[in-house]
Amino acid sequence: MKPFRIIIRGGGDLGSGVAYRLFQCGWQILITEIPQPLVLRRSVAFANAVYEKECTVEGVQAQLCLTSNEIKAINNNKKIAVLVDPENDILKREKFDVCVDARMLKTYQPNILSSNCLMIGLGPGFIAGENCHSVIETKRGHFLGRVIRTGSPQPDTGIPGNVENFTNERVLRSPTRGTILSEAKLGDVFKQGETIAKIGGEELLAPFDGCLRGLMHNDIFVEQCEKVGDLDPRLEPSLIHFISEKALAIAGGVLEAILSYYHEQKT
């Protein structure tokens, strides 16, 4: 089988889990991003290459392309390419076998379907057969990672997954609108009430004893109550370096969708 060329819109933790698993299959991966990705779990997000120029997730390297002409060389060097291309314009100029929309916008995304490029959507906002060929269930539970070929996934509840009986409490939200400033590093452990960051002059405090699993980059402007971080009650800093089981389950669904689609095309 020739290596597929895969384009993934969005290099957050879920999109990066997909990119990681497809890269391990020997396929060429390009991630497109916005100029200032609002990524939280930076230690497992290839979008971090936009800020750092290069990054590594579980041994897989990603490199930022300054121009689209660098994509092929980066892929040939056994790395994932990351390109700032908010509108995914490169898809109009170059041929890709698969496009995965992993932006998790959770609103309807209009797309024109073509037999030349398999379109796969992740989660709410996609309807199989209408704005994507297949959609992958992203809600935790019995159906997580399943391939939906007709219809829509389950609606978004807005409730994070349960980790040691913590759900909504794990989400760190901005106390006011303003710019994020923090000296904290992912993996740092905080006691309840300790300051994690300052936003617009107000302190973002740890709601319980936990390990900092995610936090937006410094100097990003956010609105009040916007999700800016993630605190993990398990107090195991090493976990920040591993892709989540949710992301890998979704990635497995994407892999199934790709292989089944091209198998049907041949038969």
Protein backbone atom coordinates (compact mmCIF):
# COMPACT_ATOMS: atom_id res chain seq x y z
CA MET A 1 0.00 0.00 0.00
CA LYS A 2 1.37 3.42 -0.95
CA PRO A 3 1.65 5.92 1.92
CA PHE A 4 -1.51 8.00 2.24
CA ARG A 5 -1.20 11.77 2.42
CA ILE A 6 -3.29 12.92 5.39
CA ILE A 7 -4.23 16.48 6.29
CA ILE A 8 -5.55 17.11 9.81
CA ARG A 9 -7.22 20.38 10.69
CA GLY A 10 -6.34 21.13 14.30
CA GLY A 11 -3.36 19.88 16.28
CA GLY A 12 -4.87 19.84 19.77
CA ASP A 13 -4.73 16.74 21.95
CA LEU A 14 -7.40 14.84 19.98
CA GLY A 15 -6.10 15.80 16.56
CA SER A 16 -2.59 14.95 17.71
CA GLY A 17 -3.71 11.52 18.89
CA VAL A 18 -5.06 10.91 15.38
CA ALA A 19 -1.88 12.26 13.79
CA TYR A 20 0.29 10.06 16.03
CA ARG A 21 -1.57 6.85 15.24
CA LEU A 22 -1.71 7.49 11.48
CA PHE A 23 1.96 8.49 11.43
CA GLN A 24 2.79 5.16 13.07
CA CYS A 25 1.09 3.49 10.09
CA GLY A 26 3.76 4.99 7.85
CA TRP A 27 1.57 7.72 6.35
CA GLN A 28 2.53 11.31 5.59
CA ILE A 29 0.87 13.80 7.93
CA LEU A 30 0.25 17.52 7.63
CA ILE A 31 -1.48 19.43 10.44
CA THR A 32 -2.96 22.84 9.64
CA GLU A 33 -3.44 25.36 12.42
CA ILE A 34 -4.42 28.93 13.23
CA PRO A 35 -1.67 31.53 13.94
CA GLN A 36 -2.20 31.30 17.73
CA PRO A 37 -3.51 27.83 18.64
CA LEU A 38 -5.61 27.75 21.82
CA VAL A 39 -4.12 24.47 22.90
CA LEU A 40 -4.23 23.37 26.54
CA ARG A 41 -2.47 19.99 26.70
CA ARG A 42 0.66 21.33 25.05
CA SER A 43 2.85 18.36 26.01
CA VAL A 44 0.79 16.06 23.77
CA ALA A 45 -0.25 18.53 21.06
CA PHE A 46 1.59 18.93 17.78
CA ALA A 47 0.03 22.41 17.53
CA ASN A 48 2.74 23.41 19.98
CA ALA A 49 5.15 23.44 17.02
CA VAL A 50 3.56 26.75 16.00
CA TYR A 51 5.06 28.28 19.16
CA GLU A 52 8.21 26.19 19.55
CA LYS A 53 9.05 25.52 15.85
CA GLU A 54 9.51 21.84 16.73
CA CYS A 55 7.94 19.52 19.28
CA THR A 56 7.85 15.83 20.13
CA VAL A 57 4.92 13.73 21.35
CA GLU A 58 5.69 10.19 22.52
CA GLY A 59 8.79 10.04 20.34
CA VAL A 60 7.14 11.44 17.19
CA GLN A 61 8.55 14.74 15.99
CA ALA A 62 6.67 17.60 14.36
CA GLN A 63 8.16 20.62 12.64
CA LEU A 64 6.63 23.95 11.64
CA CYS A 65 6.63 24.77 7.92
CA LEU A 66 7.37 28.39 7.11
CA THR A 67 5.95 27.78 3.61
CA SER A 68 3.99 24.95 2.03
CA ASN A 69 7.07 24.12 -0.06
CA GLU A 70 8.69 22.62 3.05
CA ILE A 71 5.99 20.00 3.68
CA LYS A 72 7.43 17.26 1.47
CA ALA A 73 10.95 17.61 2.88
CA ILE A 74 9.69 17.46 6.47
CA ASN A 75 7.55 14.38 5.73
CA ASN A 76 10.47 12.70 3.95
CA ASN A 77 12.53 13.36 7.07
CA LYS A 78 10.05 11.19 9.02
CA LYS A 79 8.36 14.08 10.80
CA ILE A 80 4.86 15.47 10.96
CA ALA A 81 4.57 18.81 9.18
CA VAL A 82 2.65 21.68 10.81
CA LEU A 83 1.47 24.61 8.69
CA VAL A 84 -0.32 27.81 9.73
CA ASP A 85 -3.25 27.71 7.31
CA PRO A 86 -6.52 28.65 9.07
CA GLU A 87 -8.71 28.17 6.00
CA ASN A 88 -7.03 24.93 4.90
CA ASP A 89 -6.25 26.55 1.55
CA ILE A 90 -3.53 24.04 0.80
CA LEU A 91 -6.22 21.44 0.17
CA LYS A 92 -7.21 23.47 -2.90
CA ARG A 93 -3.64 23.42 -4.25
CA GLU A 94 -2.36 19.96 -3.38
CA LYS A 95 -3.80 16.46 -3.45
CA PHE A 96 -4.43 14.64 -0.18
CA ASP A 97 -6.05 11.23 0.26
CA VAL A 98 -7.76 12.07 3.56
CA CYS A 99 -8.82 15.22 5.42
CA VAL A 100 -9.66 14.91 9.12
CA ASP A 101 -11.37 17.87 10.77
CA ALA A 102 -10.20 17.71 14.38
CA ARG A 103 -10.88 21.32 15.36
CA MET A 104 -13.71 20.28 17.71
CA LEU A 105 -15.72 23.42 16.91
CA LYS A 106 -18.94 21.53 17.77
CA THR A 107 -20.93 23.53 15.22
CA TYR A 108 -22.02 22.58 11.72
CA GLN A 109 -19.11 22.77 9.27
CA PRO A 110 -20.09 23.07 5.58
CA ASN A 111 -17.96 20.93 3.27
CA ILE A 112 -18.25 19.85 -0.35
CA LEU A 113 -17.64 16.11 -0.50
CA SER A 114 -15.43 14.64 -3.20
CA SER A 115 -14.45 11.09 -4.09
CA ASN A 116 -10.87 12.33 -4.48
CA CYS A 117 -10.40 13.05 -0.77
CA LEU A 118 -12.04 11.21 2.11
CA MET A 119 -13.50 13.70 4.60
CA ILE A 120 -13.72 12.58 8.24
CA GLY A 121 -15.20 14.74 11.01
CA LEU A 122 -14.69 14.39 14.74
CA GLY A 123 -17.67 14.83 17.02
CA PRO A 124 -20.66 17.21 17.01
CA GLY A 125 -21.09 19.47 13.99
CA PHE A 126 -20.74 16.69 11.44
CA ILE A 127 -23.38 14.67 9.62
CA ALA A 128 -22.11 11.61 7.75
CA GLY A 129 -23.07 11.79 4.10
CA GLU A 130 -23.74 15.54 4.27
CA ASN A 131 -20.61 17.41 5.33
CA CYS A 132 -18.28 14.41 5.77
CA HIS A 133 -18.06 10.85 4.54
CA SER A 134 -17.75 9.51 8.09
CA VAL A 135 -17.87 11.01 11.56
CA ILE A 136 -16.18 9.61 14.67
CA GLU A 137 -17.94 9.57 18.03
CA THR A 138 -15.98 11.67 20.53
CA LYS A 139 -18.23 11.44 23.60
CA ARG A 140 -16.84 9.23 26.36
CA GLY A 141 -18.84 6.11 26.98
CA HIS A 142 -19.92 2.97 25.17
CA PHE A 143 -19.77 4.52 21.67
CA LEU A 144 -16.46 6.40 21.94
CA GLY A 145 -14.38 5.98 18.77
CA ARG A 146 -17.12 4.35 16.71
CA VAL A 147 -17.36 5.15 13.00
CA ILE A 148 -20.70 6.70 12.00
CA ARG A 149 -21.46 6.38 8.29
CA THR A 150 -25.01 7.72 8.43
CA GLY A 151 -26.24 10.49 10.69
CA SER A 152 -24.64 12.40 13.55
CA PRO A 153 -22.70 11.68 16.75
CA GLN A 154 -24.13 12.29 20.20
CA PRO A 155 -24.56 15.97 21.15
CA ASP A 156 -21.97 17.70 23.29
CA THR A 157 -22.86 17.76 27.00
CA GLY A 158 -20.13 20.18 28.00
CA ILE A 159 -19.22 17.90 30.92
CA PRO A 160 -15.57 16.71 31.03
CA GLY A 161 -14.71 13.08 31.63
CA ASN A 162 -14.72 11.79 35.20
CA VAL A 163 -11.25 11.50 36.74
CA GLU A 164 -11.36 10.22 40.33
CA ASN A 165 -14.84 11.73 40.75
CA PHE A 166 -13.79 15.14 39.44
CA THR A 167 -15.53 16.43 36.29
CA ASN A 168 -16.30 20.14 35.86
CA GLU A 169 -13.92 20.97 38.71
CA ARG A 170 -10.96 19.85 36.57
CA VAL A 171 -11.54 22.64 34.06
CA LEU A 172 -9.68 25.86 34.79
CA ARG A 173 -11.61 28.89 33.56
CA SER A 174 -10.51 32.48 33.31
CA PRO A 175 -11.72 34.61 36.27
CA THR A 176 -11.91 37.64 33.96
CA ARG A 177 -11.02 38.70 30.43
CA GLY A 178 -7.38 39.47 29.84
CA THR A 179 -3.96 38.10 28.94
CA ILE A 180 -2.61 34.90 30.48
CA LEU A 181 0.60 35.21 32.49
CA SER A 182 2.06 32.24 34.34
CA GLU A 183 5.38 30.83 35.45
CA ALA A 184 3.85 27.38 35.93
CA LYS A 185 5.00 24.41 33.88
CA LEU A 186 2.85 21.50 32.81
CA GLY A 187 3.35 18.76 35.36
CA ASP A 188 3.66 21.14 38.32
CA VAL A 189 1.66 20.09 41.38
CA PHE A 190 -0.51 22.71 43.11
CA LYS A 191 -2.21 22.77 46.47
CA GLN A 192 -5.81 23.96 46.66
CA GLY A 193 -5.89 27.76 46.61
CA GLU A 194 -2.40 28.24 45.14
CA THR A 195 -2.02 30.61 42.20
CA ILE A 196 -1.59 28.93 38.83
CA ALA A 197 -1.70 32.03 36.63
CA LYS A 198 -2.78 35.64 36.50
CA ILE A 199 -5.30 36.78 33.91
CA GLY A 200 -6.19 40.43 33.50
CA GLY A 201 -4.65 41.08 36.90
CA GLU A 202 -6.79 38.46 38.69
CA GLU A 203 -5.47 35.19 40.10
CA LEU A 204 -6.43 31.80 38.70
CA LEU A 205 -6.42 29.52 41.76
CA ALA A 206 -6.18 25.75 41.99
CA PRO A 207 -9.66 24.45 42.94
CA PHE A 208 -8.17 21.30 44.56
CA ASP A 209 -4.81 19.56 44.99
CA GLY A 210 -3.78 18.57 41.49
CA CYS A 211 -1.20 18.28 38.73
CA LEU A 212 -1.29 20.89 35.98
CA ARG A 213 -2.24 18.87 32.89
CA GLY A 214 -2.99 21.73 30.55
CA LEU A 215 -2.63 25.50 30.30
CA MET A 216 -2.74 27.92 27.39
CA HIS A 217 0.44 29.69 26.36
CA ASN A 218 1.37 32.98 27.96
CA ASP A 219 0.25 36.21 26.28
CA ILE A 220 -2.95 34.74 24.84
CA PHE A 221 -5.97 36.97 25.38
CA VAL A 222 -9.03 35.15 26.72
CA GLU A 223 -12.58 36.03 27.70
CA GLN A 224 -14.07 35.61 31.16
CA CYS A 225 -15.01 31.99 31.95
CA GLU A 226 -13.11 30.72 28.90
CA LYS A 227 -11.48 27.32 29.38
CA VAL A 228 -7.75 27.95 29.83
CA GLY A 229 -6.41 24.89 31.61
CA ASP A 230 -6.89 21.44 33.09
CA LEU A 231 -5.98 20.17 36.58
CA ASP A 232 -5.52 16.44 37.17
CA PRO A 233 -6.34 15.06 40.65
CA ARG A 234 -4.18 11.97 40.14
CA LEU A 235 -1.00 13.88 41.10
CA GLU A 236 1.11 11.93 38.59
CA PRO A 237 3.21 14.42 36.56
CA SER A 238 4.43 11.69 34.17
CA LEU A 239 0.91 11.37 32.72
CA ILE A 240 1.17 14.73 30.97
CA HIS A 241 3.53 13.17 28.41
CA PHE A 242 1.10 10.49 27.21
CA ILE A 243 -1.72 10.78 24.69
CA SER A 244 -5.06 10.10 26.36
CA GLU A 245 -7.03 6.89 25.91
CA LYS A 246 -9.84 9.02 24.47
CA ALA A 247 -7.61 10.44 21.74
CA LEU A 248 -6.27 7.01 20.83
CA ALA A 249 -9.78 5.53 20.71
CA ILE A 250 -10.87 8.29 18.34
CA ALA A 251 -7.72 7.73 16.29
CA GLY A 252 -8.63 4.06 16.00
CA GLY A 253 -12.01 5.06 14.58
CA VAL A 254 -10.31 7.33 12.03
CA LEU A 255 -8.02 4.49 11.01
CA GLU A 256 -10.99 2.16 10.51
CA ALA A 257 -12.83 4.80 8.48
CA ILE A 258 -9.84 5.29 6.16
CA LEU A 259 -9.10 1.62 5.55
CA SER A 260 -12.74 0.62 5.08
CA TYR A 261 -13.39 3.50 2.66
CA TYR A 262 -10.45 2.69 0.40
CA HIS A 263 -11.17 -1.03 0.58
CA GLU A 264 -14.68 -0.33 -0.70
CA GLN A 265 -13.26 1.93 -3.43
CA LYS A 266 -11.12 -0.95 -4.73
CA THR A 267 -13.96 -3.46 -4.65
